[in-house]
Protein backbone atom coordinates (compact mmCIF):
# COMPACT_ATOMS: atom_id res chain seq x y z
CA MET A 1 -0.32 0.27 -0.44
CA ILE A 2 2.37 2.71 0.79
CA LYS A 3 4.55 1.69 -2.19
CA SER A 4 1.14 2.18 -4.44
CA ILE A 5 1.03 6.13 -2.40
CA LEU A 6 5.25 6.91 -2.98
CA ILE A 7 4.53 6.16 -7.05
CA GLY A 8 1.81 7.88 -7.65
CA SER A 9 3.27 10.86 -5.69
CA VAL A 10 6.33 10.05 -7.96
CA ALA A 11 4.36 10.47 -11.33
CA ALA A 12 2.21 13.36 -9.72
CA ILE A 13 5.58 15.27 -8.87
CA ALA A 14 6.63 14.25 -12.40
CA ILE A 15 3.70 15.69 -14.44
CA SER A 16 3.20 18.88 -12.69
CA SER A 17 6.72 19.53 -13.44
CA SER A 18 6.05 18.54 -17.24
CA VAL A 19 3.41 20.96 -16.65
CA PHE A 20 4.85 24.35 -15.16
CA ALA A 21 8.14 23.71 -18.49
CA ALA A 22 6.08 23.45 -20.95
CA ASP A 23 4.51 27.27 -19.20
CA ALA A 24 7.54 28.20 -19.11
CA VAL A 25 7.94 28.02 -23.50
CA TYR A 26 6.39 30.78 -23.91
CA GLU A 27 7.25 32.36 -27.14
CA ALA A 28 6.58 36.61 -27.39
CA PRO A 29 5.07 38.20 -29.76
CA ALA A 30 7.13 39.39 -32.53
CA GLU A 31 6.52 43.43 -32.66
CA PRO A 32 6.01 45.44 -35.32
CA PRO A 33 8.76 47.14 -37.73
CA VAL A 34 9.26 50.54 -36.60
CA ALA A 35 8.47 53.43 -39.95
CA VAL A 36 12.04 54.64 -39.75
CA GLU A 37 10.49 58.45 -41.37
CA THR A 38 13.02 60.20 -44.11
CA ALA A 39 12.89 63.74 -45.55
CA PRO A 40 11.91 63.78 -48.77
CA GLN A 41 15.70 65.37 -51.07
CA PHE A 42 15.34 67.96 -52.84
CA SER A 43 14.27 68.52 -55.55
CA TRP A 44 16.39 70.57 -58.88
CA SER A 45 14.07 70.63 -61.90
CA GLY A 46 11.55 73.14 -63.16
CA GLY A 47 12.42 76.27 -63.85
CA TYR A 48 14.21 78.92 -61.90
CA ALA A 49 15.32 83.06 -62.01
CA GLY A 50 18.09 85.24 -60.56
CA ILE A 51 20.43 88.15 -60.21
CA LEU A 52 23.61 87.90 -60.18
CA THR A 53 26.67 90.12 -60.04
CA GLY A 54 30.42 89.97 -59.64
CA TYR A 55 33.77 91.26 -62.27
CA GLY A 56 35.65 89.81 -64.72
CA TRP A 57 38.85 90.09 -66.83
CA GLY A 58 39.04 91.07 -70.53
CA ASP A 59 41.76 90.64 -72.47
CA GLY A 60 42.10 92.32 -75.65
CA ASP A 61 44.11 92.18 -78.97
CA PHE A 62 44.45 94.51 -81.50
CA PHE A 63 45.84 94.69 -85.30
CA ASP A 64 45.94 96.65 -87.50
CA GLY A 65 47.69 94.97 -90.80
CA THR A 66 50.95 97.58 -88.61
CA THR A 67 51.36 97.09 -85.53
CA ALA A 68 49.58 95.38 -82.79
CA ALA A 69 48.74 95.23 -79.21
CA ASN A 70 47.05 93.77 -75.68
CA ASP A 71 45.38 94.89 -73.24
CA ASP A 72 43.49 93.99 -70.57
CA PHE A 73 39.75 95.16 -70.16
CA ASP A 74 38.59 94.31 -66.18
CA GLY A 75 35.53 95.64 -63.82
CA ALA A 76 32.78 94.82 -62.29
CA ARG A 77 29.33 93.01 -63.51
CA ILE A 78 25.77 92.36 -62.72
CA GLY A 79 23.07 91.12 -64.37
CA GLY A 80 20.85 88.28 -65.14
CA PHE A 81 19.70 84.56 -65.69
CA VAL A 82 16.06 82.72 -66.20
CA GLY A 83 16.99 79.04 -67.08
CA TYR A 84 14.99 75.66 -66.88
CA ASN A 85 16.18 72.32 -64.74
CA TRP A 86 14.93 68.26 -65.96
CA GLY A 87 15.94 65.71 -62.53
CA PHE A 88 17.55 62.06 -64.50
CA GLY A 89 17.37 59.10 -62.31
CA SER A 90 18.76 59.98 -58.27
CA ASN A 91 21.13 62.83 -59.10
CA ALA A 92 21.55 63.28 -62.98
CA ILE A 93 20.52 66.99 -64.18
CA VAL A 94 19.81 67.76 -67.61
CA GLY A 95 19.38 72.14 -68.22
CA LEU A 96 18.66 75.29 -70.42
CA GLU A 97 19.78 78.65 -69.23
CA GLY A 98 19.72 82.71 -70.59
CA ASP A 99 21.78 85.01 -69.14
CA VAL A 100 21.85 89.17 -69.85
CA ASN A 101 24.37 91.06 -68.09
CA TYR A 102 26.69 94.63 -68.22
CA ASP A 103 30.56 94.23 -68.53
CA TRP A 104 31.84 97.57 -67.04
CA ASN A 105 35.31 96.55 -69.15
CA HIS A 106 36.18 99.96 -70.18
CA ASN A 107 39.57 102.09 -70.89
CA ASP A 108 39.53 105.61 -71.63
CA TYR A 109 42.43 106.76 -73.31
CA GLY A 110 42.64 110.24 -73.60
CA VAL A 111 41.63 110.74 -77.31
CA GLY A 112 38.63 107.75 -76.21
CA GLU A 113 36.91 105.02 -75.20
CA VAL A 114 37.39 101.57 -75.32
CA GLY A 115 35.32 97.76 -74.01
CA THR A 116 32.72 95.88 -73.42
CA GLY A 117 29.16 96.52 -71.54
CA LEU A 118 25.66 94.76 -72.18
CA ASN A 119 26.55 90.87 -72.99
CA GLY A 120 24.06 88.05 -72.83
CA SER A 121 24.39 83.58 -73.50
CA VAL A 122 22.49 80.46 -73.68
CA ARG A 123 23.58 77.53 -72.22
CA ALA A 124 23.45 74.19 -72.01
CA ARG A 125 24.36 72.26 -68.24
CA LEU A 126 24.65 69.02 -67.47
CA GLY A 127 24.79 68.64 -63.05
CA TYR A 128 25.34 66.26 -61.10
CA ALA A 129 22.95 66.86 -57.59
CA MET A 130 23.75 66.11 -53.87
CA ASP A 131 20.25 66.57 -52.16
CA ARG A 132 20.72 70.34 -51.55
CA VAL A 133 23.69 70.64 -53.31
CA LEU A 134 24.15 70.76 -57.36
CA LEU A 135 27.32 71.05 -58.78
CA TYR A 136 27.10 71.19 -62.75
CA THR A 137 29.27 72.18 -66.05
CA ALA A 138 27.93 74.39 -68.84
CA GLY A 139 28.43 75.84 -72.02
CA GLY A 140 27.15 77.70 -75.53
CA TYR A 141 27.06 80.58 -77.13
CA THR A 142 27.45 83.76 -76.54
CA ALA A 143 27.91 87.75 -77.38
CA THR A 144 28.63 91.44 -76.47
CA ASN A 145 28.42 95.01 -77.03
CA PHE A 146 31.78 96.30 -78.53
CA LYS A 147 32.40 99.85 -78.39
CA VAL A 148 35.15 102.38 -79.26
CA GLU A 149 33.44 105.85 -78.53
CA GLY A 150 35.91 108.82 -78.61
CA SER A 151 36.05 113.07 -81.10
CA GLY A 152 33.96 111.74 -84.89
CA ILE A 153 34.53 107.88 -83.17
CA ASP A 154 31.68 106.61 -82.36
CA GLU A 155 31.42 102.25 -83.19
CA SER A 156 29.37 100.02 -81.42
CA THR A 157 29.64 96.37 -82.60
CA THR A 158 28.61 92.94 -81.71
CA LEU A 159 31.59 89.91 -80.46
CA HIS A 160 29.82 86.22 -81.11
CA GLY A 161 31.57 83.83 -80.04
CA TRP A 162 31.48 80.48 -77.35
CA THR A 163 31.60 80.22 -73.12
CA VAL A 164 32.41 77.11 -70.94
CA GLY A 165 32.33 77.19 -67.45
CA ALA A 166 31.34 74.92 -64.14
CA GLY A 167 29.87 76.05 -60.30
CA VAL A 168 27.97 75.12 -57.04
CA ASP A 169 23.78 75.79 -56.92
CA TYR A 170 23.25 75.73 -53.16
CA ALA A 171 20.01 75.49 -51.91
CA LEU A 172 19.54 77.83 -48.65
CA THR A 173 15.50 76.86 -48.89
CA ASP A 174 13.32 75.06 -51.04
CA ARG A 175 12.99 77.83 -53.32
CA VAL A 176 15.44 79.64 -53.41
CA PHE A 177 19.27 78.82 -53.73
CA THR A 178 22.77 80.81 -54.53
CA ARG A 179 25.20 80.24 -57.42
CA LEU A 180 28.98 80.40 -57.53
CA GLU A 181 30.48 79.92 -60.62
CA TYR A 182 33.66 80.20 -63.52
CA ARG A 183 33.58 80.65 -66.90
CA TYR A 184 35.45 82.04 -69.98
CA ASN A 185 34.31 83.88 -72.86
CA ASP A 186 35.35 83.52 -76.39
CA PHE A 187 34.46 86.92 -78.79
CA SER A 188 36.55 85.54 -80.85
CA ASP A 189 37.39 87.81 -83.39
CA LYS A 190 36.56 90.87 -86.02
CA GLU A 191 37.38 93.88 -87.31
CA VAL A 192 36.32 97.18 -86.08
CA LEU A 193 37.02 100.19 -87.90
CA GLY A 194 40.00 98.39 -88.97
CA VAL A 195 41.11 96.68 -86.05
CA ASP A 196 40.89 93.01 -86.19
CA THR A 197 39.88 93.27 -82.68
CA ASP A 198 40.43 89.42 -80.54
CA PHE A 199 38.31 89.51 -77.21
CA ASP A 200 38.10 87.34 -74.61
CA GLN A 201 37.51 87.85 -71.33
CA HIS A 202 37.15 85.23 -67.44
CA VAL A 203 34.22 85.39 -65.05
CA VAL A 204 33.27 84.53 -61.33
CA ASN A 205 30.09 85.05 -60.72
CA ILE A 206 27.57 85.37 -57.32
CA GLY A 207 24.12 84.70 -57.03
CA LEU A 208 20.69 84.46 -55.51
CA ALA A 209 17.70 82.75 -57.77
CA VAL A 210 13.72 81.13 -56.04
CA LYS A 211 13.08 78.46 -58.36
CA PHE A 212 8.99 78.63 -59.40
C-alpha cells in the first residue's frame, strides 16, 4: 500500500514538473517593424530665375595690319539669368539657361574709350545633384557689345563667340538657392574700324535665384 502511494506521488510530481516546464516556454509575439521616416530628397527640376554680380577679367588683342597691341579690360558686372532643369534618375540634371549682363570693362585712352558693355549667353547645363548641392558644367553661345567712342568716333558692334564654365548651386530653402560660378568667354575676332579685334574674358559670378 505504501509502495503504491509512493509511486503515485512521484508520478504526480513528474507530471506537474512537465506541465510547468511546458508553461515556462513562452514565445513573445513579434513586434511590428518600426517605421523610419526619411526626409525627401531636394528636387532641382523645374524653372528658376535669379540675379548675379561678379567680376570680369577681359583681354583684348588688336592689329591694324602694321602694329599689334594688347590691353586688359577688367571690371565689375551685374546681370540676371533664367533657366529650366530636368532631372534624370536620382542625381543627374540636364538644363538650359540664358543670361543678360552688363560689364564695366572700359579703358579710357584720353582721346577715346574702348570696352565692352551689354552681353549675354545661352548655355546647356549638365549637373550632378547631392540633395541641396548641385555641381554643374555649362557651355554654349555668347555675345557682347564692343564700343569705341572718341572725338568724331562712335562705333558699336557685336562680338560673337562661345562660353564654357562650371559652378555650384546650393539650396537655402525649398525655393531659394545661391550660386558660385566660373566662366570663360571667347568672343573670337572681328574687324572694328579697320582693326582686327580679338577679345576674351574670365568671369566669376555669385548669384541668388528663386525656383518656380
